[in-house]
Amino acid sequence: MHRKKKQEKGTEAFPSSIFEIDKSGSVVNETYIQAVAQFMKELLEGDEDCFLVEVKIKPTNNFKVFLDADSGISIARCINFNRALYKKIEEAGWFPEGDFSLEVSSPGLDEPLKLWRQYKKNIGRMVDITLLDGSHLTGKLLEVTEDGCVVEETKGKNKKKEVITHSLLFEHIKQTKIQVVF
């Protein structure tokens, strides 16, 4: 059971149904992440194309929200979501002094794929997969099933060229990153 901390004049308590308080009396970052994710899901309602990938927070109250879309996500769309989400965070009153920042963007090529939907939209692209055992596999993403993916790896060149098809379960994949081919 949480004991109520004496409130300083001019401050408001956080709704206990949304936030958890740690022993020092500060809000746990995970609850901010969950609340921001919920706000974002509300903003995405009715948008069949766009989806939330991840919410991160840095100790400086810098929120990073990664969105993606089946048809790709534009900068303009990210700006619109940023403005709407910023307003929701301000209205929630979590940071009365306004000491937070918000970035809404696509995950970018440096972020690994996290969701099945991301795998699906990247069929036909080159991927670099790290398996749980530490081994790497680079190839073309051919297919995505409910529990895994099929990747076509090409080894060697010309007459020594060998094409190997790998069926991988998601549970054996540590991370998958899109490769840019020039």
C-alpha atoms as a PDB file:
ATOM      1  CA  MET A   1       0.000   0.000   0.000  1.00  0.00           C
ATOM      2  CA  HIS A   2       1.349   3.424  -0.963  1.00  0.00           C
ATOM      3  CA  ARG A   3       1.453   6.124   1.650  1.00  0.00           C
ATOM      4  CA  LYS A   4       0.404   9.530   0.439  1.00  0.00           C
ATOM      5  CA  LYS A   5       3.282  11.956   0.361  1.00  0.00           C
ATOM      6  CA  LYS A   6       2.539  15.466   1.654  1.00  0.00           C
ATOM      7  CA  GLN A   7       1.797  17.552  -1.395  1.00  0.00           C
ATOM      8  CA  GLU A   8       3.612  20.836  -1.929  1.00  0.00           C
ATOM      9  CA  LYS A   9       1.476  23.847  -2.652  1.00  0.00           C
ATOM     10  CA  GLY A  10       0.686  24.212  -6.359  1.00  0.00           C
ATOM     11  CA  THR A  11       1.393  20.613  -7.328  1.00  0.00           C
ATOM     12  CA  GLU A  12      -1.070  17.994  -8.400  1.00  0.00           C
ATOM     13  CA  ALA A  13      -0.964  14.281  -7.706  1.00  0.00           C
ATOM     14  CA  PHE A  14      -0.628  11.887 -10.608  1.00  0.00           C
ATOM     15  CA  PRO A  15      -3.674   9.678 -11.180  1.00  0.00           C
ATOM     16  CA  SER A  16      -2.833   6.423  -9.394  1.00  0.00           C
ATOM     17  CA  SER A  17      -4.669   4.416 -12.043  1.00  0.00           C
ATOM     18  CA  ILE A  18      -2.100   5.413 -14.660  1.00  0.00           C
ATOM     19  CA  PHE A  19       1.190   5.813 -12.800  1.00  0.00           C
ATOM     20  CA  GLU A  20       3.217   3.819 -10.327  1.00  0.00           C
ATOM     21  CA  ILE A  21       5.299   5.622  -7.719  1.00  0.00           C
ATOM     22  CA  ASP A  22       8.698   4.240  -6.696  1.00  0.00           C
ATOM     23  CA  LYS A  23      10.199   4.480  -3.180  1.00  0.00           C
ATOM     24  CA  SER A  24      11.653   7.941  -3.830  1.00  0.00           C
ATOM     25  CA  GLY A  25       8.205   9.230  -4.796  1.00  0.00           C
ATOM     26  CA  SER A  26       9.010   9.685  -8.488  1.00  0.00           C
ATOM     27  CA  VAL A  27       7.036   8.262 -11.359  1.00  0.00           C
ATOM     28  CA  VAL A  28       8.500   5.147 -12.934  1.00  0.00           C
ATOM     29  CA  ASN A  29       9.522   5.705 -16.582  1.00  0.00           C
ATOM     30  CA  GLU A  30       7.758   2.533 -17.703  1.00  0.00           C
ATOM     31  CA  THR A  31       4.421   4.003 -16.748  1.00  0.00           C
ATOM     32  CA  TYR A  32       5.130   7.123 -18.816  1.00  0.00           C
ATOM     33  CA  ILE A  33       5.975   4.872 -21.744  1.00  0.00           C
ATOM     34  CA  GLN A  34       2.716   2.953 -21.336  1.00  0.00           C
ATOM     35  CA  ALA A  35       0.689   6.151 -21.035  1.00  0.00           C
ATOM     36  CA  VAL A  36       2.318   7.762 -24.096  1.00  0.00           C
ATOM     37  CA  ALA A  37       1.769   4.525 -26.048  1.00  0.00           C
ATOM     38  CA  GLN A  38      -1.905   4.633 -25.060  1.00  0.00           C
ATOM     39  CA  PHE A  39      -2.198   8.284 -26.168  1.00  0.00           C
ATOM     40  CA  MET A  40      -0.579   7.386 -29.479  1.00  0.00           C
ATOM     41  CA  LYS A  41      -2.902   4.423 -30.012  1.00  0.00           C
ATOM     42  CA  GLU A  42      -5.868   6.758 -29.456  1.00  0.00           C
ATOM     43  CA  LEU A  43      -4.460   9.168 -32.065  1.00  0.00           C
ATOM     44  CA  LEU A  44      -3.985   6.290 -34.511  1.00  0.00           C
ATOM     45  CA  GLU A  45      -7.569   5.013 -34.193  1.00  0.00           C
ATOM     46  CA  GLY A  46      -9.199   4.908 -37.596  1.00  0.00           C
ATOM     47  CA  ASP A  47      -5.845   5.056 -39.394  1.00  0.00           C
ATOM     48  CA  GLU A  48      -5.563   1.534 -40.842  1.00  0.00           C
ATOM     49  CA  ASP A  49      -2.186   2.216 -42.497  1.00  0.00           C
ATOM     50  CA  CYS A  50      -0.138   3.685 -39.634  1.00  0.00           C
ATOM     51  CA  PHE A  51       0.972   1.827 -36.491  1.00  0.00           C
ATOM     52  CA  LEU A  52       2.991   2.360 -33.319  1.00  0.00           C
ATOM     53  CA  VAL A  53       6.315   0.521 -33.229  1.00  0.00           C
ATOM     54  CA  GLU A  54       7.853   1.666 -29.943  1.00  0.00           C
ATOM     55  CA  VAL A  55       8.030   4.398 -27.305  1.00  0.00           C
ATOM     56  CA  LYS A  56      11.323   5.173 -25.550  1.00  0.00           C
ATOM     57  CA  ILE A  57      12.188   7.712 -22.871  1.00  0.00           C
ATOM     58  CA  LYS A  58      15.551   9.092 -21.857  1.00  0.00           C
ATOM     59  CA  PRO A  59      16.282  10.302 -18.300  1.00  0.00           C
ATOM     60  CA  THR A  60      15.986  13.892 -19.553  1.00  0.00           C
ATOM     61  CA  ASN A  61      12.245  13.331 -20.220  1.00  0.00           C
ATOM     62  CA  ASN A  62      12.929  13.043 -23.936  1.00  0.00           C
ATOM     63  CA  PHE A  63      10.226  10.848 -25.460  1.00  0.00           C
ATOM     64  CA  LYS A  64      10.984   9.084 -28.736  1.00  0.00           C
ATOM     65  CA  VAL A  65       7.944   7.658 -30.498  1.00  0.00           C
ATOM     66  CA  PHE A  66       8.520   5.428 -33.503  1.00  0.00           C
ATOM     67  CA  LEU A  67       5.685   5.057 -36.009  1.00  0.00           C
ATOM     68  CA  ASP A  68       5.533   3.106 -39.222  1.00  0.00           C
ATOM     69  CA  ALA A  69       2.982   2.634 -41.974  1.00  0.00           C
ATOM     70  CA  ASP A  70       2.328  -0.088 -44.492  1.00  0.00           C
ATOM     71  CA  SER A  71       2.709   2.458 -47.287  1.00  0.00           C
ATOM     72  CA  GLY A  72       5.597   4.306 -45.605  1.00  0.00           C
ATOM     73  CA  ILE A  73       5.315   7.294 -43.299  1.00  0.00           C
ATOM     74  CA  SER A  74       6.011  10.852 -44.394  1.00  0.00           C
ATOM     75  CA  ILE A  75       7.683  13.597 -42.384  1.00  0.00           C
ATOM     76  CA  ALA A  76       4.479  15.653 -42.594  1.00  0.00           C
ATOM     77  CA  ARG A  77       2.506  12.817 -41.026  1.00  0.00           C
ATOM     78  CA  CYS A  78       5.049  12.505 -38.208  1.00  0.00           C
ATOM     79  CA  ILE A  79       4.827  16.266 -37.590  1.00  0.00           C
ATOM     80  CA  ASN A  80       1.029  16.086 -37.309  1.00  0.00           C
ATOM     81  CA  PHE A  81       1.210  13.178 -34.860  1.00  0.00           C
ATOM     82  CA  ASN A  82       3.945  14.975 -32.906  1.00  0.00           C
ATOM     83  CA  ARG A  83       1.797  18.076 -32.443  1.00  0.00           C
ATOM     84  CA  ALA A  84      -1.277  16.082 -31.380  1.00  0.00           C
ATOM     85  CA  LEU A  85       0.701  13.899 -28.965  1.00  0.00           C
ATOM     86  CA  TYR A  86       2.564  16.891 -27.511  1.00  0.00           C
ATOM     87  CA  LYS A  87      -0.784  18.517 -26.761  1.00  0.00           C
ATOM     88  CA  LYS A  88      -2.049  15.356 -25.003  1.00  0.00           C
ATOM     89  CA  ILE A  89       1.086  15.181 -22.837  1.00  0.00           C
ATOM     90  CA  GLU A  90       0.770  18.873 -21.936  1.00  0.00           C
ATOM     91  CA  GLU A  91      -2.925  18.438 -21.083  1.00  0.00           C
ATOM     92  CA  ALA A  92      -2.064  15.468 -18.838  1.00  0.00           C
ATOM     93  CA  GLY A  93      -0.025  17.870 -16.681  1.00  0.00           C
ATOM     94  CA  TRP A  94       2.855  15.442 -16.079  1.00  0.00           C
ATOM     95  CA  PHE A  95       5.491  18.133 -16.531  1.00  0.00           C
ATOM     96  CA  PRO A  96       4.061  21.394 -15.154  1.00  0.00           C
ATOM     97  CA  GLU A  97       7.281  23.236 -15.999  1.00  0.00           C
ATOM     98  CA  GLY A  98       7.201  21.886 -19.574  1.00  0.00           C
ATOM     99  CA  ASP A  99      10.518  20.089 -19.039  1.00  0.00           C
ATOM    100  CA  PHE A 100      10.042  17.353 -21.618  1.00  0.00           C
ATOM    101  CA  SER A 101      10.698  16.914 -25.313  1.00  0.00           C
ATOM    102  CA  LEU A 102       9.039  14.750 -27.909  1.00  0.00           C
ATOM    103  CA  GLU A 103      10.289  13.221 -31.143  1.00  0.00           C
ATOM    104  CA  VAL A 104       7.925  11.340 -33.451  1.00  0.00           C
ATOM    105  CA  SER A 105       9.591   9.611 -36.389  1.00  0.00           C
ATOM    106  CA  SER A 106       9.886   6.424 -38.369  1.00  0.00           C
ATOM    107  CA  PRO A 107      12.269   3.907 -36.799  1.00  0.00           C
ATOM    108  CA  GLY A 108      14.895   4.418 -39.503  1.00  0.00           C
ATOM    109  CA  LEU A 109      17.389   1.911 -40.826  1.00  0.00           C
ATOM    110  CA  ASP A 110      19.464   1.814 -37.645  1.00  0.00           C
ATOM    111  CA  GLU A 111      16.555   0.399 -35.619  1.00  0.00           C
ATOM    112  CA  PRO A 112      15.829  -3.330 -35.840  1.00  0.00           C
ATOM    113  CA  LEU A 113      12.420  -4.604 -36.940  1.00  0.00           C
ATOM    114  CA  LYS A 114      10.218  -5.159 -33.895  1.00  0.00           C
ATOM    115  CA  LEU A 115       6.792  -6.068 -35.225  1.00  0.00           C
ATOM    116  CA  TRP A 116       5.395  -8.686 -37.574  1.00  0.00           C
ATOM    117  CA  ARG A 117       3.818  -5.889 -39.596  1.00  0.00           C
ATOM    118  CA  GLN A 118       7.266  -4.375 -40.211  1.00  0.00           C
ATOM    119  CA  TYR A 119       8.554  -7.691 -41.523  1.00  0.00           C
ATOM    120  CA  LYS A 120       5.508  -7.964 -43.809  1.00  0.00           C
ATOM    121  CA  LYS A 121       5.971  -4.506 -45.329  1.00  0.00           C
ATOM    122  CA  ASN A 122       9.654  -5.201 -46.034  1.00  0.00           C
ATOM    123  CA  ILE A 123       9.174  -8.374 -48.098  1.00  0.00           C
ATOM    124  CA  GLY A 124      11.528  -8.197 -51.078  1.00  0.00           C
ATOM    125  CA  ARG A 125      14.179  -6.132 -49.267  1.00  0.00           C
ATOM    126  CA  MET A 126      17.627  -7.203 -48.149  1.00  0.00           C
ATOM    127  CA  VAL A 127      17.910  -7.901 -44.421  1.00  0.00           C
ATOM    128  CA  ASP A 128      20.690  -8.694 -41.976  1.00  0.00           C
ATOM    129  CA  ILE A 129      19.507 -11.130 -39.323  1.00  0.00           C
ATOM    130  CA  THR A 130      21.324 -11.903 -36.087  1.00  0.00           C
ATOM    131  CA  LEU A 131      20.245 -15.207 -34.580  1.00  0.00           C
ATOM    132  CA  LEU A 132      20.206 -15.941 -30.849  1.00  0.00           C
ATOM    133  CA  ASP A 133      23.378 -18.029 -31.216  1.00  0.00           C
ATOM    134  CA  GLY A 134      25.199 -14.910 -32.524  1.00  0.00           C
ATOM    135  CA  SER A 135      25.417 -16.031 -36.156  1.00  0.00           C
ATOM    136  CA  HIS A 136      24.479 -13.642 -38.974  1.00  0.00           C
ATOM    137  CA  LEU A 137      22.515 -14.164 -42.129  1.00  0.00           C
ATOM    138  CA  THR A 138      22.145 -11.623 -44.925  1.00  0.00           C
ATOM    139  CA  GLY A 139      19.636 -12.180 -47.661  1.00  0.00           C
ATOM    140  CA  LYS A 140      16.389 -11.207 -49.337  1.00  0.00           C
ATOM    141  CA  LEU A 141      13.238 -11.396 -47.215  1.00  0.00           C
ATOM    142  CA  LEU A 142      10.927 -13.578 -49.309  1.00  0.00           C
ATOM    143  CA  GLU A 143       8.017 -14.430 -47.051  1.00  0.00           C
ATOM    144  CA  VAL A 144       6.595 -13.759 -43.598  1.00  0.00           C
ATOM    145  CA  THR A 145       4.415 -16.238 -41.738  1.00  0.00           C
ATOM    146  CA  GLU A 146       2.746 -15.962 -38.344  1.00  0.00           C
ATOM    147  CA  ASP A 147       5.716 -17.494 -36.564  1.00  0.00           C
ATOM    148  CA  GLY A 148       8.698 -16.739 -38.798  1.00  0.00           C
ATOM    149  CA  CYS A 149      10.143 -15.672 -42.106  1.00  0.00           C
ATOM    150  CA  VAL A 150      11.854 -17.060 -45.193  1.00  0.00           C
ATOM    151  CA  VAL A 151      15.130 -15.494 -46.316  1.00  0.00           C
ATOM    152  CA  GLU A 152      17.060 -16.202 -49.508  1.00  0.00           C
ATOM    153  CA  GLU A 153      20.823 -16.053 -49.007  1.00  0.00           C
ATOM    154  CA  THR A 154      23.229 -15.903 -51.963  1.00  0.00           C
ATOM    155  CA  LYS A 155      26.782 -17.202 -51.438  1.00  0.00           C
ATOM    156  CA  GLY A 156      29.598 -16.964 -53.967  1.00  0.00           C
ATOM    157  CA  LYS A 157      29.536 -15.463 -57.459  1.00  0.00           C
ATOM    158  CA  ASN A 158      29.166 -16.540 -61.061  1.00  0.00           C
ATOM    159  CA  LYS A 159      29.617 -20.327 -61.507  1.00  0.00           C
ATOM    160  CA  LYS A 160      30.190 -20.836 -57.762  1.00  0.00           C
ATOM    161  CA  LYS A 161      26.998 -18.960 -56.890  1.00  0.00           C
ATOM    162  CA  GLU A 162      24.787 -20.840 -54.441  1.00  0.00           C
ATOM    163  CA  VAL A 163      21.302 -19.751 -53.366  1.00  0.00           C
ATOM    164  CA  ILE A 164      20.133 -21.042 -49.982  1.00  0.00           C
ATOM    165  CA  THR A 165      16.617 -20.561 -48.646  1.00  0.00           C
ATOM    166  CA  HIS A 166      16.320 -20.332 -44.850  1.00  0.00           C
ATOM    167  CA  SER A 167      13.076 -20.705 -42.901  1.00  0.00           C
ATOM    168  CA  LEU A 168      13.538 -18.988 -39.552  1.00  0.00           C
ATOM    169  CA  LEU A 169      11.297 -18.833 -36.513  1.00  0.00           C
ATOM    170  CA  PHE A 170      10.968 -15.419 -34.876  1.00  0.00           C
ATOM    171  CA  GLU A 171      11.800 -17.027 -31.524  1.00  0.00           C
ATOM    172  CA  HIS A 172      15.310 -17.806 -32.872  1.00  0.00           C
ATOM    173  CA  ILE A 173      15.927 -14.273 -34.184  1.00  0.00           C
ATOM    174  CA  LYS A 174      17.712 -11.771 -31.947  1.00  0.00           C
ATOM    175  CA  GLN A 175      17.330  -8.857 -34.379  1.00  0.00           C
ATOM    176  CA  THR A 176      16.648  -8.035 -38.018  1.00  0.00           C
ATOM    177  CA  LYS A 177      17.808  -4.875 -39.748  1.00  0.00           C
ATOM    178  CA  ILE A 178      17.041  -3.656 -43.247  1.00  0.00           C
ATOM    179  CA  GLN A 179      20.088  -3.399 -45.501  1.00  0.00           C
ATOM    180  CA  VAL A 180      20.469  -0.590 -48.003  1.00  0.00           C
ATOM    181  CA  VAL A 181      21.666  -1.867 -51.377  1.00  0.00           C
ATOM    182  CA  PHE A 182      23.261   0.560 -53.823  1.00  0.00           C
END
